[in-house]
Amino acid sequence: MNHHTTLAGDDWAGVVGAGFGVAGFFALLIVIVWQTAATWRARMLAAREEEYKKLAFKYAELLEDNTEILRRYTDELADTRKAVTSIERMMREVE
């Protein structure tokens, strides 16, 4: 027995419509995944930017601290030089 399935004109329209429906569904899924990934990436970039700001602030604080330490050491070195110069002068006078 041969069974031949024939489609009438209306059946082809249904197949084409179903094809467009499936294509639309997959297109929607692709857009949703794409937008989710883009949102996740934007959040990650914002978090990274916030971390960079924190690091820059911490660096500025450390730089200020180091500058103050350097200033103190420079003052102490100048005082030491004055003392050594004074001691040298006294030793020359003693000789």
Protein backbone atom coordinates (compact mmCIF):
# COMPACT_ATOMS: atom_id res chain seq x y z
CA MET A 1 0.00 0.00 0.00
CA ASN A 2 1.41 3.32 -0.99
CA HIS A 3 0.57 6.22 1.20
CA HIS A 4 1.39 9.50 -0.38
CA THR A 5 1.12 12.55 1.74
CA THR A 6 0.23 15.59 -0.23
CA LEU A 7 0.03 19.04 1.12
CA ALA A 8 -2.51 21.49 -0.04
CA GLY A 9 -1.65 25.16 -0.47
CA ASP A 10 -2.81 25.99 3.05
CA ASP A 11 -0.52 23.33 4.54
CA TRP A 12 2.56 24.95 3.00
CA ALA A 13 1.59 28.26 4.55
CA GLY A 14 1.39 26.55 7.94
CA VAL A 15 4.84 25.00 7.52
CA VAL A 16 6.33 28.34 6.51
CA GLY A 17 4.56 30.04 9.43
CA ALA A 18 5.87 27.42 11.82
CA GLY A 19 9.37 27.89 10.41
CA PHE A 20 9.16 31.62 11.01
CA GLY A 21 7.86 30.96 14.52
CA VAL A 22 10.75 28.65 15.35
CA ALA A 23 13.24 31.09 13.82
CA GLY A 24 11.70 33.93 15.83
CA PHE A 25 11.88 31.88 19.03
CA PHE A 26 15.57 31.13 18.51
CA ALA A 27 16.25 34.75 17.58
CA LEU A 28 14.57 35.79 20.84
CA LEU A 29 16.70 33.32 22.80
CA ILE A 30 19.84 34.66 21.14
CA VAL A 31 18.91 38.24 21.99
CA ILE A 32 18.16 37.32 25.61
CA VAL A 33 21.49 35.50 26.01
CA TRP A 34 23.36 38.33 24.27
CA GLN A 35 21.78 41.00 26.47
CA THR A 36 22.38 38.99 29.63
CA ALA A 37 26.04 38.62 28.72
CA ALA A 38 26.31 42.34 27.90
CA THR A 39 24.71 43.26 31.24
CA TRP A 40 27.04 40.92 33.13
CA ARG A 41 30.05 42.36 31.31
CA ALA A 42 28.97 45.93 32.10
CA ARG A 43 28.61 45.06 35.79
CA MET A 44 32.04 43.44 35.81
CA LEU A 45 33.58 46.51 34.18
CA ALA A 46 31.88 48.79 36.71
CA ALA A 47 33.16 46.65 39.58
CA ARG A 48 36.67 46.70 38.10
CA GLU A 49 36.48 50.48 37.72
CA GLU A 50 35.48 50.79 41.38
CA GLU A 51 38.45 48.64 42.40
CA TYR A 52 40.77 50.85 40.31
CA LYS A 53 39.40 53.93 42.09
CA LYS A 54 40.03 52.32 45.48
CA LEU A 55 43.58 51.39 44.45
CA ALA A 56 44.25 54.91 43.16
CA PHE A 57 42.99 56.40 46.44
CA LYS A 58 45.15 54.00 48.47
CA TYR A 59 48.15 54.82 46.28
CA ALA A 60 47.60 58.55 46.86
CA GLU A 61 47.49 57.97 50.63
CA LEU A 62 50.69 55.91 50.54
CA LEU A 63 52.40 58.52 48.40
CA GLU A 64 51.49 61.23 50.91
CA ASP A 65 52.80 59.06 53.76
CA ASN A 66 56.06 58.41 51.91
CA THR A 67 56.45 62.10 51.13
CA GLU A 68 56.05 62.94 54.82
CA ILE A 69 58.58 60.26 55.83
CA LEU A 70 61.04 61.55 53.23
CA ARG A 71 60.61 65.09 54.53
CA ARG A 72 61.33 63.96 58.09
CA TYR A 73 64.41 61.99 57.02
CA THR A 74 65.65 64.95 55.02
CA ASP A 75 65.28 67.21 58.08
CA GLU A 76 67.07 64.67 60.27
CA LEU A 77 69.87 64.32 57.73
CA ALA A 78 70.29 68.10 57.58
CA ASP A 79 70.50 68.22 61.39
CA THR A 80 73.05 65.39 61.36
CA ARG A 81 75.16 67.20 58.77
CA LYS A 82 75.12 70.34 60.91
CA ALA A 83 76.21 68.33 63.93
CA VAL A 84 79.01 66.58 62.01
CA THR A 85 80.18 69.90 60.58
CA SER A 86 80.20 71.38 64.07
CA ILE A 87 82.18 68.40 65.44
CA GLU A 88 84.70 68.67 62.57
CA ARG A 89 85.15 72.37 63.29
CA MET A 90 85.76 71.67 67.00
CA MET A 91 88.28 68.93 66.18
CA ARG A 92 90.20 71.26 63.86
CA GLU A 93 90.33 73.89 66.56
CA VAL A 94 91.66 71.33 69.05
CA GLU A 95 94.49 70.29 66.75
